[in-house]
Amino acid sequence: MLTRLKVSGFKNLVDVDVRFGPFTCVAGANGVGKSNLFDAIKFLS
């Protein structure tokens, strides 16, 4: 299970450190990088 993701310099994610729990909600305004966060996870798989 993915518990933590650190991203630096991937698309518009400059310096991101996310810790995932049993249920993690990703929310935000348009253009802030929500989809890019999931693209980074997909890139690693």
Protein backbone atom coordinates (compact mmCIF):
# COMPACT_ATOMS: atom_id res chain seq x y z
CA MET A 1 0.00 0.00 0.00
CA LEU A 2 1.24 3.47 -0.84
CA THR A 3 1.71 5.42 2.39
CA ARG A 4 3.84 8.39 1.31
CA LEU A 5 4.74 10.19 -1.91
CA LYS A 6 7.41 12.88 -2.29
CA VAL A 7 7.48 14.69 -5.62
CA SER A 8 9.85 17.42 -6.76
CA GLY A 9 9.82 18.90 -10.25
CA PHE A 10 7.14 16.72 -11.87
CA LYS A 11 4.88 18.84 -14.09
CA ASN A 12 3.59 21.63 -11.80
CA LEU A 13 4.40 19.76 -8.56
CA VAL A 14 7.41 21.69 -7.24
CA ASP A 15 7.90 20.25 -3.75
CA VAL A 16 5.07 17.95 -2.60
CA ASP A 17 5.09 15.51 0.31
CA VAL A 18 1.83 13.59 0.78
CA ARG A 19 1.16 10.99 3.46
CA PHE A 20 -1.70 8.65 2.61
CA GLY A 21 -3.97 7.10 5.23
CA PRO A 22 -6.68 4.46 4.91
CA PHE A 23 -8.85 7.16 3.30
CA THR A 24 -7.27 10.20 1.67
CA CYS A 25 -9.25 12.90 -0.12
CA VAL A 26 -7.48 15.02 -2.73
CA ALA A 27 -9.34 18.29 -3.28
CA GLY A 28 -8.51 21.72 -4.61
CA ALA A 29 -9.24 24.36 -7.18
CA ASN A 30 -8.71 23.91 -10.92
CA GLY A 31 -5.09 23.90 -12.07
CA VAL A 32 -3.40 23.19 -8.73
CA GLY A 33 -2.08 19.71 -9.61
CA LYS A 34 -4.61 17.12 -8.41
CA SER A 35 -4.41 15.16 -11.66
CA ASN A 36 -0.63 15.58 -11.78
CA LEU A 37 -0.41 13.95 -8.36
CA PHE A 38 -2.13 10.87 -9.75
CA ASP A 39 0.01 11.06 -12.91
CA ALA A 40 3.09 10.87 -10.67
CA ILE A 41 1.72 7.74 -8.99
CA LYS A 42 0.95 6.22 -12.39
CA PHE A 43 4.45 7.13 -13.62
CA LEU A 44 5.98 5.10 -10.76
CA SER A 45 3.91 1.97 -11.44
